[in-house]
Amino acid sequence: MVSLDDIRRFVDELLVVERFAGLDDPSGVYRPTNREIRHLGLTLDGWPGIGSWIADGGYDGLVVHRPWDLPLERFPDLGVLAYHLPFDERLTTGYNPWLAATLGMSRIEPFGSKRGRPIGMVGDVPEQSASSFVGRLETEFGPLEGYRPGERPTVARVAVAGALWPELVAEASRRGTDLYVTGSWRPRAAGAVEETGLAVALVGHRPPEAWGMRTLSRLIGERWPEVAVDIAPTG
């Protein structure tokens, strides 16, 4: 029998939730249940059709990124795990070892800092053209939100971060980075990007979240093959 708490312990470890202790932010059990978890739903948030999706799926539990708009009153026995900041920082464009492996990054190091937590990662990749690496990003995330070419035609070292601050751009340059991957453009970083000559790839906000949900679904499924895991259509 797989319980909601079994899954909670597993996800807590994946997302290193002890780093977020004391924050007023969802990080674990959002609503408990004693039901056996045979069918688990994963969703980024409470989208308009989620009530019908839960009812049709017959889920015993949910794992949610943003739990605030869930119609929980309709499902009194439904267990819910919610992970907000831990999900963002560990499964999207943060210090994300699963993304690093997918992108062919090696010698991963923490990059940047937010309240003592790494905000991203820096690592080596097999040297390749910038267009080749951008193609790899598009395979994982879909069309980029934007791309600014850098001074160097090839990529051998990459920074991935959940923010684009001038000080982070400067740090990435000092650490030999050729290309900086983040979600969205921030105008205040323009001067630093121009000065360092780094290439910047913008993968957007929602695509990395969807990537994280797919990865979490796979990891849970590998741990408990007997549990059916579905991802909501919007996430």
C-alpha atoms as a PDB file:
ATOM      1  CA  MET A   1       0.000   0.000   0.000  1.00  0.00           C
ATOM      2  CA  VAL A   2       1.322   3.441  -0.990  1.00  0.00           C
ATOM      3  CA  SER A   3       0.227   6.309   1.239  1.00  0.00           C
ATOM      4  CA  LEU A   4       0.250  10.037   0.610  1.00  0.00           C
ATOM      5  CA  ASP A   5       2.936  10.318   3.273  1.00  0.00           C
ATOM      6  CA  ASP A   6       5.108   7.788   1.406  1.00  0.00           C
ATOM      7  CA  ILE A   7       4.974   9.995  -1.651  1.00  0.00           C
ATOM      8  CA  ARG A   8       5.528  13.098   0.469  1.00  0.00           C
ATOM      9  CA  ARG A   9       8.746  11.683   1.924  1.00  0.00           C
ATOM     10  CA  PHE A  10       9.991  10.754  -1.537  1.00  0.00           C
ATOM     11  CA  VAL A  11       9.228  14.164  -3.076  1.00  0.00           C
ATOM     12  CA  ASP A  12      10.564  15.989  -0.009  1.00  0.00           C
ATOM     13  CA  GLU A  13      13.908  14.284  -0.547  1.00  0.00           C
ATOM     14  CA  LEU A  14      13.937  15.000  -4.290  1.00  0.00           C
ATOM     15  CA  LEU A  15      13.231  18.685  -3.728  1.00  0.00           C
ATOM     16  CA  VAL A  16      15.443  19.057  -0.624  1.00  0.00           C
ATOM     17  CA  VAL A  17      12.548  20.687   1.222  1.00  0.00           C
ATOM     18  CA  GLU A  18      14.472  21.167   4.467  1.00  0.00           C
ATOM     19  CA  ARG A  19      16.090  24.169   2.775  1.00  0.00           C
ATOM     20  CA  PHE A  20      12.687  25.881   2.857  1.00  0.00           C
ATOM     21  CA  ALA A  21      11.844  25.258   6.510  1.00  0.00           C
ATOM     22  CA  GLY A  22      10.226  28.232   8.200  1.00  0.00           C
ATOM     23  CA  LEU A  23       8.960  29.862   5.008  1.00  0.00           C
ATOM     24  CA  ASP A  24       5.249  30.564   4.633  1.00  0.00           C
ATOM     25  CA  ASP A  25       5.105  28.604   1.394  1.00  0.00           C
ATOM     26  CA  PRO A  26       3.547  25.237   0.439  1.00  0.00           C
ATOM     27  CA  SER A  27       6.088  22.475   0.884  1.00  0.00           C
ATOM     28  CA  GLY A  28       4.575  19.074   1.631  1.00  0.00           C
ATOM     29  CA  VAL A  29       1.120  17.938   2.773  1.00  0.00           C
ATOM     30  CA  TYR A  30      -1.482  20.537   1.859  1.00  0.00           C
ATOM     31  CA  ARG A  31      -4.402  18.293   2.786  1.00  0.00           C
ATOM     32  CA  PRO A  32      -3.974  14.834   4.332  1.00  0.00           C
ATOM     33  CA  THR A  33      -5.829  11.648   3.471  1.00  0.00           C
ATOM     34  CA  ASN A  34      -5.855   8.083   4.768  1.00  0.00           C
ATOM     35  CA  ARG A  35      -6.707   6.697   1.334  1.00  0.00           C
ATOM     36  CA  GLU A  36      -4.373   4.300  -0.401  1.00  0.00           C
ATOM     37  CA  ILE A  37      -2.813   6.110  -3.360  1.00  0.00           C
ATOM     38  CA  ARG A  38      -3.486   4.059  -6.453  1.00  0.00           C
ATOM     39  CA  HIS A  39      -4.135   6.894  -8.877  1.00  0.00           C
ATOM     40  CA  LEU A  40      -2.192  10.154  -8.563  1.00  0.00           C
ATOM     41  CA  GLY A  41      -2.791  13.372 -10.478  1.00  0.00           C
ATOM     42  CA  LEU A  42      -0.162  16.059 -11.069  1.00  0.00           C
ATOM     43  CA  THR A  43      -1.080  19.631 -11.958  1.00  0.00           C
ATOM     44  CA  LEU A  44       0.636  22.982 -11.970  1.00  0.00           C
ATOM     45  CA  ASP A  45      -2.395  24.831 -10.626  1.00  0.00           C
ATOM     46  CA  GLY A  46      -6.169  24.950 -10.300  1.00  0.00           C
ATOM     47  CA  TRP A  47      -7.168  25.631 -13.903  1.00  0.00           C
ATOM     48  CA  PRO A  48     -10.870  26.159 -14.832  1.00  0.00           C
ATOM     49  CA  GLY A  49     -11.593  22.545 -15.787  1.00  0.00           C
ATOM     50  CA  ILE A  50      -9.732  20.848 -12.971  1.00  0.00           C
ATOM     51  CA  GLY A  51     -12.853  19.803 -11.062  1.00  0.00           C
ATOM     52  CA  SER A  52     -14.100  17.714 -13.985  1.00  0.00           C
ATOM     53  CA  TRP A  53     -10.601  16.342 -14.546  1.00  0.00           C
ATOM     54  CA  ILE A  54     -10.353  15.164 -10.915  1.00  0.00           C
ATOM     55  CA  ALA A  55     -13.840  13.650 -10.984  1.00  0.00           C
ATOM     56  CA  ASP A  56     -13.277  11.858 -14.278  1.00  0.00           C
ATOM     57  CA  GLY A  57      -9.871  10.556 -13.213  1.00  0.00           C
ATOM     58  CA  GLY A  58     -10.970   9.233  -9.830  1.00  0.00           C
ATOM     59  CA  TYR A  59      -7.735  10.351  -8.195  1.00  0.00           C
ATOM     60  CA  ASP A  60      -6.779   9.406  -4.659  1.00  0.00           C
ATOM     61  CA  GLY A  61      -4.268  12.239  -4.383  1.00  0.00           C
ATOM     62  CA  LEU A  62      -2.766  15.214  -6.176  1.00  0.00           C
ATOM     63  CA  VAL A  63       0.661  16.801  -6.370  1.00  0.00           C
ATOM     64  CA  VAL A  64       0.277  20.502  -7.141  1.00  0.00           C
ATOM     65  CA  HIS A  65       2.658  23.384  -7.736  1.00  0.00           C
ATOM     66  CA  ARG A  66       0.235  26.259  -6.955  1.00  0.00           C
ATOM     67  CA  PRO A  67      -2.614  24.846  -4.819  1.00  0.00           C
ATOM     68  CA  TRP A  68      -4.599  27.986  -4.046  1.00  0.00           C
ATOM     69  CA  ASP A  69      -7.402  27.601  -6.610  1.00  0.00           C
ATOM     70  CA  LEU A  70      -8.232  23.918  -6.143  1.00  0.00           C
ATOM     71  CA  PRO A  71     -11.949  23.068  -5.687  1.00  0.00           C
ATOM     72  CA  LEU A  72     -11.199  20.925  -2.632  1.00  0.00           C
ATOM     73  CA  GLU A  73     -14.695  21.323  -1.194  1.00  0.00           C
ATOM     74  CA  ARG A  74     -15.933  19.031  -3.968  1.00  0.00           C
ATOM     75  CA  PHE A  75     -13.507  16.229  -3.031  1.00  0.00           C
ATOM     76  CA  PRO A  76     -13.441  15.795   0.767  1.00  0.00           C
ATOM     77  CA  ASP A  77     -11.251  12.662   0.755  1.00  0.00           C
ATOM     78  CA  LEU A  78      -8.709  13.843  -1.805  1.00  0.00           C
ATOM     79  CA  GLY A  79      -5.166  14.119  -0.463  1.00  0.00           C
ATOM     80  CA  VAL A  80      -2.967  16.940  -1.735  1.00  0.00           C
ATOM     81  CA  LEU A  81       0.769  17.552  -1.731  1.00  0.00           C
ATOM     82  CA  ALA A  82       1.857  21.059  -2.710  1.00  0.00           C
ATOM     83  CA  TYR A  83       5.349  22.308  -3.559  1.00  0.00           C
ATOM     84  CA  HIS A  84       5.825  25.895  -4.633  1.00  0.00           C
ATOM     85  CA  LEU A  85       9.345  27.275  -4.144  1.00  0.00           C
ATOM     86  CA  PRO A  86      10.963  23.819  -3.824  1.00  0.00           C
ATOM     87  CA  PHE A  87       9.482  22.818  -7.186  1.00  0.00           C
ATOM     88  CA  ASP A  88      10.611  26.074  -8.839  1.00  0.00           C
ATOM     89  CA  GLU A  89      14.155  25.871  -7.549  1.00  0.00           C
ATOM     90  CA  ARG A  90      14.740  22.146  -8.014  1.00  0.00           C
ATOM     91  CA  LEU A  91      12.695  21.099 -11.066  1.00  0.00           C
ATOM     92  CA  THR A  92      12.672  24.121 -13.377  1.00  0.00           C
ATOM     93  CA  THR A  93      15.520  26.549 -14.183  1.00  0.00           C
ATOM     94  CA  GLY A  94      17.328  26.233 -10.863  1.00  0.00           C
ATOM     95  CA  TYR A  95      19.832  23.748  -9.485  1.00  0.00           C
ATOM     96  CA  ASN A  96      18.169  20.926 -11.373  1.00  0.00           C
ATOM     97  CA  PRO A  97      20.291  17.758 -11.753  1.00  0.00           C
ATOM     98  CA  TRP A  98      17.707  16.071 -13.994  1.00  0.00           C
ATOM     99  CA  LEU A  99      17.739  18.983 -16.428  1.00  0.00           C
ATOM    100  CA  ALA A 100      21.526  19.048 -16.304  1.00  0.00           C
ATOM    101  CA  ALA A 101      21.654  15.389 -17.325  1.00  0.00           C
ATOM    102  CA  THR A 102      19.159  15.972 -20.127  1.00  0.00           C
ATOM    103  CA  LEU A 103      21.172  18.897 -21.501  1.00  0.00           C
ATOM    104  CA  GLY A 104      24.431  16.937 -21.330  1.00  0.00           C
ATOM    105  CA  MET A 105      25.910  19.103 -18.561  1.00  0.00           C
ATOM    106  CA  SER A 106      28.744  17.740 -16.446  1.00  0.00           C
ATOM    107  CA  ARG A 107      30.825  19.002 -13.499  1.00  0.00           C
ATOM    108  CA  ILE A 108      27.745  20.765 -12.128  1.00  0.00           C
ATOM    109  CA  GLU A 109      28.339  23.509  -9.588  1.00  0.00           C
ATOM    110  CA  PRO A 110      25.883  25.695  -7.635  1.00  0.00           C
ATOM    111  CA  PHE A 111      25.362  29.130  -9.153  1.00  0.00           C
ATOM    112  CA  GLY A 112      24.140  32.260  -7.392  1.00  0.00           C
ATOM    113  CA  SER A 113      22.461  32.304  -4.009  1.00  0.00           C
ATOM    114  CA  LYS A 114      19.103  33.176  -2.484  1.00  0.00           C
ATOM    115  CA  ARG A 115      18.886  32.955   1.304  1.00  0.00           C
ATOM    116  CA  GLY A 116      21.655  30.385   1.251  1.00  0.00           C
ATOM    117  CA  ARG A 117      20.071  28.277  -1.501  1.00  0.00           C
ATOM    118  CA  PRO A 118      21.596  27.987  -4.999  1.00  0.00           C
ATOM    119  CA  ILE A 119      19.543  29.880  -7.553  1.00  0.00           C
ATOM    120  CA  GLY A 120      20.936  27.895 -10.457  1.00  0.00           C
ATOM    121  CA  MET A 121      23.799  25.783 -11.768  1.00  0.00           C
ATOM    122  CA  VAL A 122      26.862  26.048 -13.982  1.00  0.00           C
ATOM    123  CA  GLY A 123      28.307  23.129 -15.893  1.00  0.00           C
ATOM    124  CA  ASP A 124      30.258  21.998 -18.927  1.00  0.00           C
ATOM    125  CA  VAL A 125      28.713  20.644 -22.115  1.00  0.00           C
ATOM    126  CA  PRO A 126      30.401  19.010 -25.103  1.00  0.00           C
ATOM    127  CA  GLU A 127      31.582  21.911 -27.245  1.00  0.00           C
ATOM    128  CA  GLN A 128      29.046  22.612 -29.963  1.00  0.00           C
ATOM    129  CA  SER A 129      27.600  25.432 -31.999  1.00  0.00           C
ATOM    130  CA  ALA A 130      25.282  27.791 -30.193  1.00  0.00           C
ATOM    131  CA  SER A 131      22.510  26.837 -32.630  1.00  0.00           C
ATOM    132  CA  SER A 132      22.983  23.175 -31.731  1.00  0.00           C
ATOM    133  CA  PHE A 133      22.534  23.860 -28.019  1.00  0.00           C
ATOM    134  CA  VAL A 134      19.554  26.129 -28.672  1.00  0.00           C
ATOM    135  CA  GLY A 135      18.013  23.267 -30.643  1.00  0.00           C
ATOM    136  CA  ARG A 136      18.452  21.035 -27.620  1.00  0.00           C
ATOM    137  CA  LEU A 137      16.659  23.585 -25.452  1.00  0.00           C
ATOM    138  CA  GLU A 138      13.798  23.763 -27.954  1.00  0.00           C
ATOM    139  CA  THR A 139      13.498  19.974 -27.920  1.00  0.00           C
ATOM    140  CA  GLU A 140      12.935  20.115 -24.159  1.00  0.00           C
ATOM    141  CA  PHE A 141      10.907  23.330 -23.808  1.00  0.00           C
ATOM    142  CA  GLY A 142       9.466  24.145 -27.208  1.00  0.00           C
ATOM    143  CA  PRO A 143      10.103  27.409 -29.096  1.00  0.00           C
ATOM    144  CA  LEU A 144      12.164  29.857 -27.088  1.00  0.00           C
ATOM    145  CA  GLU A 145      10.646  33.057 -25.750  1.00  0.00           C
ATOM    146  CA  GLY A 146      13.768  34.812 -26.997  1.00  0.00           C
ATOM    147  CA  TYR A 147      17.436  34.417 -27.814  1.00  0.00           C
ATOM    148  CA  ARG A 148      20.306  36.921 -27.772  1.00  0.00           C
ATOM    149  CA  PRO A 149      23.432  35.634 -29.556  1.00  0.00           C
ATOM    150  CA  GLY A 150      26.705  36.039 -27.745  1.00  0.00           C
ATOM    151  CA  GLU A 151      30.187  36.902 -28.885  1.00  0.00           C
ATOM    152  CA  ARG A 152      31.355  33.284 -29.011  1.00  0.00           C
ATOM    153  CA  PRO A 153      30.080  31.031 -31.827  1.00  0.00           C
ATOM    154  CA  THR A 154      30.332  27.847 -29.764  1.00  0.00           C
ATOM    155  CA  VAL A 155      29.071  26.715 -26.369  1.00  0.00           C
ATOM    156  CA  ALA A 156      31.150  24.666 -23.920  1.00  0.00           C
ATOM    157  CA  ARG A 157      29.933  25.962 -20.552  1.00  0.00           C
ATOM    158  CA  VAL A 158      26.371  26.834 -19.579  1.00  0.00           C
ATOM    159  CA  ALA A 159      24.652  28.622 -16.712  1.00  0.00           C
ATOM    160  CA  VAL A 160      21.019  27.859 -15.877  1.00  0.00           C
ATOM    161  CA  ALA A 161      19.219  30.109 -13.399  1.00  0.00           C
ATOM    162  CA  GLY A 162      15.749  31.125 -12.315  1.00  0.00           C
ATOM    163  CA  ALA A 163      16.676  34.814 -12.494  1.00  0.00           C
ATOM    164  CA  LEU A 164      18.527  37.255 -14.739  1.00  0.00           C
ATOM    165  CA  TRP A 165      20.262  39.804 -12.530  1.00  0.00           C
ATOM    166  CA  PRO A 166      23.307  41.895 -13.496  1.00  0.00           C
ATOM    167  CA  GLU A 167      25.343  40.358 -10.696  1.00  0.00           C
ATOM    168  CA  LEU A 168      24.441  36.842 -11.854  1.00  0.00           C
ATOM    169  CA  VAL A 169      25.421  37.652 -15.429  1.00  0.00           C
ATOM    170  CA  ALA A 170      28.762  38.975 -14.161  1.00  0.00           C
ATOM    171  CA  GLU A 171      29.294  35.840 -12.056  1.00  0.00           C
ATOM    172  CA  ALA A 172      28.455  33.596 -15.008  1.00  0.00           C
ATOM    173  CA  SER A 173      31.014  35.427 -17.124  1.00  0.00           C
ATOM    174  CA  ARG A 174      33.702  35.141 -14.433  1.00  0.00           C
ATOM    175  CA  ARG A 175      33.081  31.401 -14.310  1.00  0.00           C
ATOM    176  CA  GLY A 176      33.663  30.952 -18.027  1.00  0.00           C
ATOM    177  CA  THR A 177      30.079  30.610 -19.189  1.00  0.00           C
ATOM    178  CA  ASP A 178      29.253  30.934 -22.880  1.00  0.00           C
ATOM    179  CA  LEU A 179      25.461  30.808 -22.645  1.00  0.00           C
ATOM    180  CA  TYR A 180      22.976  31.764 -19.923  1.00  0.00           C
ATOM    181  CA  VAL A 181      19.626  29.950 -19.789  1.00  0.00           C
ATOM    182  CA  THR A 182      16.734  31.514 -17.877  1.00  0.00           C
ATOM    183  CA  GLY A 183      12.990  32.059 -18.079  1.00  0.00           C
ATOM    184  CA  SER A 184      12.365  35.640 -19.206  1.00  0.00           C
ATOM    185  CA  TRP A 185      14.289  38.762 -20.104  1.00  0.00           C
ATOM    186  CA  ARG A 186      14.950  41.394 -17.450  1.00  0.00           C
ATOM    187  CA  PRO A 187      15.811  44.865 -18.819  1.00  0.00           C
ATOM    188  CA  ARG A 188      18.034  45.721 -15.875  1.00  0.00           C
ATOM    189  CA  ALA A 189      20.414  42.939 -16.940  1.00  0.00           C
ATOM    190  CA  ALA A 190      20.868  44.370 -20.450  1.00  0.00           C
ATOM    191  CA  GLY A 191      24.039  46.299 -19.628  1.00  0.00           C
ATOM    192  CA  ALA A 192      25.718  43.304 -18.015  1.00  0.00           C
ATOM    193  CA  VAL A 193      24.759  41.028 -20.906  1.00  0.00           C
ATOM    194  CA  GLU A 194      26.194  43.523 -23.405  1.00  0.00           C
ATOM    195  CA  GLU A 195      29.385  43.986 -21.400  1.00  0.00           C
ATOM    196  CA  THR A 196      30.080  40.268 -20.941  1.00  0.00           C
ATOM    197  CA  GLY A 197      29.071  39.170 -24.438  1.00  0.00           C
ATOM    198  CA  LEU A 198      27.173  36.171 -23.090  1.00  0.00           C
ATOM    199  CA  ALA A 199      24.498  34.499 -25.173  1.00  0.00           C
ATOM    200  CA  VAL A 200      21.125  34.405 -23.397  1.00  0.00           C
ATOM    201  CA  ALA A 201      18.391  31.854 -24.096  1.00  0.00           C
ATOM    202  CA  LEU A 202      14.910  32.563 -22.707  1.00  0.00           C
ATOM    203  CA  VAL A 203      12.821  29.431 -22.270  1.00  0.00           C
ATOM    204  CA  GLY A 204       9.775  31.174 -20.774  1.00  0.00           C
ATOM    205  CA  HIS A 205       7.957  30.652 -17.486  1.00  0.00           C
ATOM    206  CA  ARG A 206       5.420  27.887 -18.106  1.00  0.00           C
ATOM    207  CA  PRO A 207       7.511  25.507 -20.272  1.00  0.00           C
ATOM    208  CA  PRO A 208      10.090  24.775 -17.533  1.00  0.00           C
ATOM    209  CA  GLU A 209       7.247  24.153 -15.082  1.00  0.00           C
ATOM    210  CA  ALA A 210       5.650  21.683 -17.482  1.00  0.00           C
ATOM    211  CA  TRP A 211       9.068  20.047 -17.930  1.00  0.00           C
ATOM    212  CA  GLY A 212       9.358  19.732 -14.158  1.00  0.00           C
ATOM    213  CA  MET A 213       5.947  18.093 -13.873  1.00  0.00           C
ATOM    214  CA  ARG A 214       6.840  15.547 -16.556  1.00  0.00           C
ATOM    215  CA  THR A 215      10.069  14.764 -14.740  1.00  0.00           C
ATOM    216  CA  LEU A 216       8.319  14.417 -11.365  1.00  0.00           C
ATOM    217  CA  SER A 217       5.721  12.120 -12.936  1.00  0.00           C
ATOM    218  CA  ARG A 218       8.485   9.913 -14.336  1.00  0.00           C
ATOM    219  CA  LEU A 219      10.387   9.755 -11.042  1.00  0.00           C
ATOM    220  CA  ILE A 220       7.278   8.854  -9.031  1.00  0.00           C
ATOM    221  CA  GLY A 221       6.312   6.250 -11.633  1.00  0.00           C
ATOM    222  CA  GLU A 222       9.766   4.675 -11.475  1.00  0.00           C
ATOM    223  CA  ARG A 223       9.589   4.514  -7.676  1.00  0.00           C
ATOM    224  CA  TRP A 224       6.051   3.063  -7.562  1.00  0.00           C
ATOM    225  CA  PRO A 225       5.143   1.323 -10.832  1.00  0.00           C
ATOM    226  CA  GLU A 226       1.887   0.175  -9.234  1.00  0.00           C
ATOM    227  CA  VAL A 227       0.667   3.781  -8.928  1.00  0.00           C
ATOM    228  CA  ALA A 228      -0.985   5.266 -12.037  1.00  0.00           C
ATOM    229  CA  VAL A 229       0.282   8.819 -12.521  1.00  0.00           C
ATOM    230  CA  ASP A 230      -1.440  11.365 -14.783  1.00  0.00           C
ATOM    231  CA  ILE A 231      -0.470  14.938 -15.616  1.00  0.00           C
ATOM    232  CA  ALA A 232      -3.247  17.494 -16.056  1.00  0.00           C
ATOM    233  CA  PRO A 233      -3.691  18.761 -19.652  1.00  0.00           C
ATOM    234  CA  THR A 234      -2.445  22.228 -18.694  1.00  0.00           C
ATOM    235  CA  GLY A 235       0.636  21.020 -16.851  1.00  0.00           C
END
